[in-house]
Protein backbone atom coordinates (compact mmCIF):
# COMPACT_ATOMS: atom_id res chain seq x y z
CA MET A 1 -22.63 10.26 12.07
CA ILE A 2 -19.90 9.34 14.35
CA PRO A 3 -19.36 12.61 16.92
CA LYS A 4 -15.93 13.76 16.70
CA SER A 5 -16.00 13.82 20.14
CA HIS A 6 -15.69 10.14 20.57
CA PRO A 7 -12.23 8.30 21.84
CA ARG A 8 -11.63 6.75 18.84
CA TYR A 9 -13.38 8.97 16.07
CA GLU A 10 -10.58 8.36 13.63
CA SER A 11 -10.59 4.43 14.16
CA LEU A 12 -14.54 4.33 13.44
CA LYS A 13 -14.46 6.81 10.55
CA THR A 14 -12.14 4.36 8.59
CA ARG A 15 -14.29 1.37 9.37
CA GLU A 16 -17.14 3.66 8.12
CA LEU A 17 -15.17 3.87 4.83
CA ILE A 18 -14.74 -0.11 4.25
CA VAL A 19 -18.29 -0.58 5.02
CA SER A 20 -19.42 1.97 1.92
CA GLY A 21 -16.70 0.42 0.12
CA VAL A 22 -18.81 -2.81 0.51
CA LYS A 23 -22.30 -1.23 -0.35
CA LYS A 24 -20.87 0.59 -3.25
CA GLY A 25 -19.32 -3.06 -4.60
CA ILE A 26 -15.80 -1.88 -4.49
CA THR A 27 -14.16 -3.68 -1.32
CA SER A 28 -15.13 -7.41 -1.00
CA VAL A 29 -17.09 -8.57 2.50
CA HIS A 30 -13.95 -10.55 3.14
CA GLY A 31 -12.18 -7.15 3.43
CA LEU A 32 -13.98 -6.32 6.35
CA ILE A 33 -12.00 -9.59 8.45
CA ALA A 34 -8.88 -8.07 7.12
CA HIS A 35 -9.57 -4.55 8.09
CA GLY A 36 -10.66 -5.67 11.78
CA ARG A 37 -7.50 -7.65 12.14
CA GLY A 38 -5.14 -4.27 10.90
CA GLU A 39 -7.39 -2.19 12.92
CA ALA A 40 -6.16 -4.47 16.21
CA PHE A 41 -2.60 -3.72 15.35
CA ASP A 42 -3.22 -0.38 14.80
CA TYR A 43 -4.78 -0.33 18.59
CA LEU A 44 -1.92 -2.01 20.01
CA LEU A 45 0.83 0.47 18.37
CA GLY A 46 -1.36 3.31 19.75
CA GLU A 47 -2.91 4.13 17.00
CA LYS A 48 -0.23 7.04 15.94
CA THR A 49 2.58 6.70 13.43
CA SER A 50 5.85 5.65 15.38
CA ASP A 51 9.02 7.09 14.67
CA PHE A 52 10.50 3.52 13.05
CA ALA A 53 7.73 3.97 10.98
CA LYS A 54 8.51 7.47 9.56
CA LYS A 55 12.22 6.24 8.72
CA SER A 56 10.54 3.38 6.71
CA VAL A 57 8.43 6.08 4.77
CA ASP A 58 11.62 7.88 4.04
CA SER A 59 13.25 4.82 2.91
CA ALA A 60 10.22 3.86 0.80
CA ALA A 61 9.89 7.86 -0.87
CA ALA A 62 13.43 7.15 -2.28
CA LEU A 63 13.39 3.71 -3.53
CA LEU A 64 10.38 5.13 -5.35
CA LEU A 65 12.08 8.40 -6.93
CA LEU A 66 15.13 5.55 -7.77
CA ALA A 67 12.83 3.51 -9.63
CA LYS A 68 12.27 3.51 -13.74
CA ASN A 69 8.81 2.16 -13.66
CA PRO A 70 7.28 2.29 -10.29
CA VAL A 71 3.92 0.88 -10.23
CA ILE A 72 1.07 1.34 -7.51
CA SER A 73 -1.26 -1.58 -6.93
CA VAL A 74 -4.81 -1.14 -5.91
CA ASN A 75 -7.13 -3.86 -4.32
CA GLY A 76 -10.84 -2.60 -2.88
CA ASN A 77 -10.02 -2.04 0.44
CA VAL A 78 -7.08 0.90 -0.53
CA ALA A 79 -9.84 2.21 -3.21
CA ALA A 80 -12.19 2.99 -0.39
CA LEU A 81 -9.95 4.18 2.14
CA VAL A 82 -7.31 6.73 0.32
CA PRO A 83 -8.43 6.91 -3.49
CA LYS A 84 -7.66 10.60 -3.34
CA GLU A 85 -4.65 10.06 -2.04
CA LEU A 86 -3.83 7.06 -4.57
CA ALA A 87 -4.72 9.32 -7.58
CA LYS A 88 -1.94 12.54 -5.95
CA LEU A 89 0.57 9.53 -5.53
CA SER A 90 -0.10 8.51 -8.90
CA SER A 91 0.21 11.60 -10.44
CA ILE A 92 3.92 12.92 -8.76
CA LEU A 93 5.29 9.85 -9.96
CA ASN A 94 4.31 9.34 -12.97
CA ALA A 95 3.16 5.90 -12.05
CA PRO A 96 0.08 3.95 -13.15
CA LEU A 97 -2.53 2.69 -10.94
CA GLU A 98 -3.13 -0.91 -11.47
CA ILE A 99 -6.19 -2.99 -10.03
CA ASN A 100 -5.09 -6.73 -8.49
CA ILE A 101 -7.83 -7.88 -6.42
CA PHE A 102 -8.11 -11.61 -4.75
CA HIS A 103 -11.67 -12.58 -5.12
CA GLN A 104 -11.67 -12.22 -8.79
CA SER A 105 -15.00 -10.09 -10.40
CA ARG A 106 -14.77 -7.99 -13.18
CA SER A 107 -17.52 -5.77 -12.38
CA ARG A 108 -15.70 -4.78 -9.07
CA GLU A 109 -12.11 -4.31 -10.95
CA LEU A 110 -14.53 -2.05 -13.09
CA GLY A 111 -16.19 -0.40 -10.13
CA ILE A 112 -12.61 0.28 -8.49
CA LYS A 113 -11.38 2.09 -11.64
CA LYS A 114 -14.62 4.16 -12.15
CA TYR A 115 -14.28 5.16 -8.37
CA LEU A 116 -10.34 6.23 -8.91
CA ILE A 117 -10.95 8.09 -11.49
CA LYS A 118 -13.71 10.16 -9.82
CA HIS A 119 -11.31 10.85 -7.24
CA GLY A 120 -8.79 12.10 -9.67
CA ALA A 121 -6.80 9.27 -10.95
CA GLU A 122 -6.37 9.26 -14.55
CA ASN A 123 -3.79 6.05 -15.62
CA VAL A 124 -5.92 3.18 -14.06
CA LEU A 125 -5.07 -0.40 -15.45
CA LEU A 126 -6.72 -3.48 -15.31
CA PRO A 127 -5.32 -7.05 -14.99
CA ASP A 128 -5.09 -8.68 -18.31
CA LYS A 129 -5.19 -12.80 -18.42
CA LYS A 130 -2.85 -12.62 -21.19
CA TYR A 131 -0.22 -11.48 -18.87
CA LYS A 132 0.62 -13.05 -15.42
CA ILE A 133 3.61 -13.11 -12.87
CA LYS A 134 5.21 -16.77 -11.70
CA PHE A 135 4.95 -18.57 -8.86
CA LEU A 136 1.24 -17.10 -7.91
CA GLU A 137 -1.78 -19.68 -8.52
CA SER A 138 -4.79 -17.12 -7.11
CA ASN A 139 -6.23 -14.48 -9.51
CA ARG A 140 -3.46 -12.14 -8.01
CA LYS A 141 -1.01 -13.76 -11.00
CA TYR A 142 -2.46 -11.79 -13.91
CA VAL A 143 -0.84 -8.33 -14.29
CA THR A 144 -0.57 -5.87 -17.31
CA SER A 145 2.39 -5.31 -19.47
CA GLU A 146 2.18 -1.75 -19.34
CA GLY A 147 2.14 -2.10 -15.58
CA ILE A 148 3.31 -4.49 -13.22
CA LEU A 149 4.82 -7.32 -15.34
CA GLN A 150 7.41 -4.61 -16.47
CA ALA A 151 7.59 -3.05 -12.72
CA ASP A 152 11.23 -2.48 -10.73
CA VAL A 153 9.36 -1.41 -7.73
CA VAL A 154 5.53 -2.12 -6.97
CA PHE A 155 3.78 -0.27 -3.97
CA VAL A 156 1.40 -2.66 -2.33
CA PRO A 157 -0.48 -1.42 0.46
CA LEU A 158 -2.54 -4.00 2.22
CA GLU A 159 -1.06 -6.81 0.51
CA ASP A 160 -1.27 -10.80 0.16
CA GLY A 161 1.81 -12.14 1.95
CA ASP A 162 1.81 -14.63 -0.86
CA ARG A 163 1.65 -12.32 -3.93
CA THR A 164 4.22 -10.04 -2.06
CA GLU A 165 6.55 -13.15 -2.21
CA ALA A 166 6.40 -13.65 -5.50
CA LEU A 167 6.89 -10.53 -6.94
CA ILE A 168 9.86 -10.48 -4.93
CA LYS A 169 10.73 -13.80 -6.79
CA ASN A 170 10.10 -12.25 -9.71
CA GLY A 171 12.96 -9.68 -9.21
CA LYS A 172 10.65 -6.73 -8.08
CA LYS A 173 11.29 -4.67 -5.33
CA VAL A 174 7.94 -4.45 -2.98
CA ILE A 175 6.83 -1.51 -0.71
CA THR A 176 3.94 -2.44 1.29
CA ILE A 177 1.56 -0.59 4.07
CA ASP A 178 1.03 -3.61 6.96
CA LEU A 179 0.09 -2.95 10.58
CA ASN A 180 0.82 -6.52 11.40
CA PRO A 181 5.05 -6.74 11.90
CA LEU A 182 4.56 -10.63 11.92
CA SER A 183 2.43 -11.13 8.18
CA ARG A 184 4.25 -12.52 5.55
CA THR A 185 3.55 -9.40 3.71
CA ALA A 186 5.88 -6.96 5.80
CA GLN A 187 8.57 -9.82 6.22
CA LYS A 188 9.05 -10.74 2.97
CA ALA A 189 8.84 -6.94 1.54
CA THR A 190 11.51 -4.83 0.75
CA ILE A 191 10.14 -2.22 2.76
CA ALA A 192 7.53 -2.55 5.46
CA ILE A 193 5.83 0.39 6.55
CA VAL A 194 4.25 -0.52 9.55
CA ASP A 195 1.29 1.78 10.19
CA ASN A 196 -2.06 2.77 9.29
CA ILE A 197 -2.18 3.33 5.57
CA THR A 198 -4.54 6.56 6.48
CA ARG A 199 -1.52 7.84 7.88
CA ALA A 200 1.36 6.66 6.14
CA ILE A 201 0.13 7.38 2.59
CA LEU A 202 -0.15 11.24 3.44
CA LEU A 203 3.39 10.99 4.99
CA LEU A 204 4.83 9.09 1.64
CA ILE A 205 3.56 11.71 -0.70
CA ASN A 206 4.57 14.75 1.81
CA GLN A 207 8.37 13.20 1.71
CA ILE A 208 8.69 12.36 -2.16
CA GLN A 209 7.24 15.83 -2.88
CA LYS A 210 9.94 17.33 -0.30
CA PHE A 211 12.79 14.69 -1.86
CA LYS A 212 11.62 16.32 -5.24
CA LYS A 213 11.96 19.62 -4.24
CA LEU A 214 15.27 19.25 -2.67
CA LYS A 215 16.74 17.86 -5.93
CA LEU A 216 18.29 15.19 -4.33
CA ALA A 217 20.80 13.40 -6.43
CA LYS A 218 20.40 9.87 -7.12
CA LYS A 219 23.19 8.78 -4.87
CA GLN A 220 21.62 10.69 -1.91
CA LEU A 221 18.50 8.64 -2.52
CA LYS A 222 20.15 5.56 -2.61
CA VAL A 223 21.91 6.12 0.67
CA ILE A 224 18.38 6.72 2.42
CA TYR A 225 17.12 3.88 0.80
CA GLU A 226 20.23 1.66 1.41
CA HIS A 227 19.80 2.34 5.16
CA HIS A 228 16.99 0.82 5.25
CA ASP A 229 16.79 -2.53 7.36
CA ASN A 230 13.56 -4.27 7.03
CA GLN A 231 13.81 -7.10 9.63
CA LYS A 232 15.49 -4.88 12.46
CA ARG A 233 12.30 -2.27 11.92
CA LEU A 234 9.98 -4.79 12.07
CA LYS A 235 11.63 -6.36 15.47
CA ILE A 236 11.66 -2.82 16.84
CA ALA A 237 7.17 -2.74 16.00
CA ILE A 238 6.98 -6.14 17.43
CA LYS A 239 9.00 -4.97 20.73
CA LEU A 240 6.56 -2.11 20.81
CA ILE A 241 3.31 -4.13 20.64
CA ARG A 242 4.89 -6.69 23.22
CA ARG A 243 5.70 -4.05 25.59
CA LEU A 244 2.15 -2.80 25.77
């Protein structure tokens, strides 16, 4: 039990979710390393959501609402950290959750699907080896015909850089959440939200709901989306890290 009085309570609690995910067979042991790398960047960013990240969230919300066929890509770390939030995001966007993992394991894919459904998800897709995207050789090339294959916008939090690049080359727009502004994922994405997924996904859900409640027209959403300059915001994030 981590005491709430601990100065890094939230960070340690998040770490425990990843460890628990490994024990449940949802997260790969390799995911522990990836999480640790992100945790280090979160520490450098002050473990709080910056103003530039909030602006990226606004742009991402607008783009997801403009999308004709949005899809949410889910790996083991994401499933372990924010399963309820993924289910909610899927519901408000009417977008499927598509499981996609680097280290091939059908049992883990099925485990992730079961875990997401347990937390409220209704539309969860598994990769199909009959369908694949171009420009990628790893297991992550496999997709579904009703999901990523036909998607125009793919939300890929905690993503592999080579897959982000491949999705872009396949003509899709990519939104990611990545604490490392120097990563290929962040650099190649259409919109990179430099923040911790446990904070950013809640902001994203709230902003989408706000835009829907305001009944913003497509023209208004397009202005919000087109205001985003990914490289400019990544440079701001890098500058913040260097200052510390």
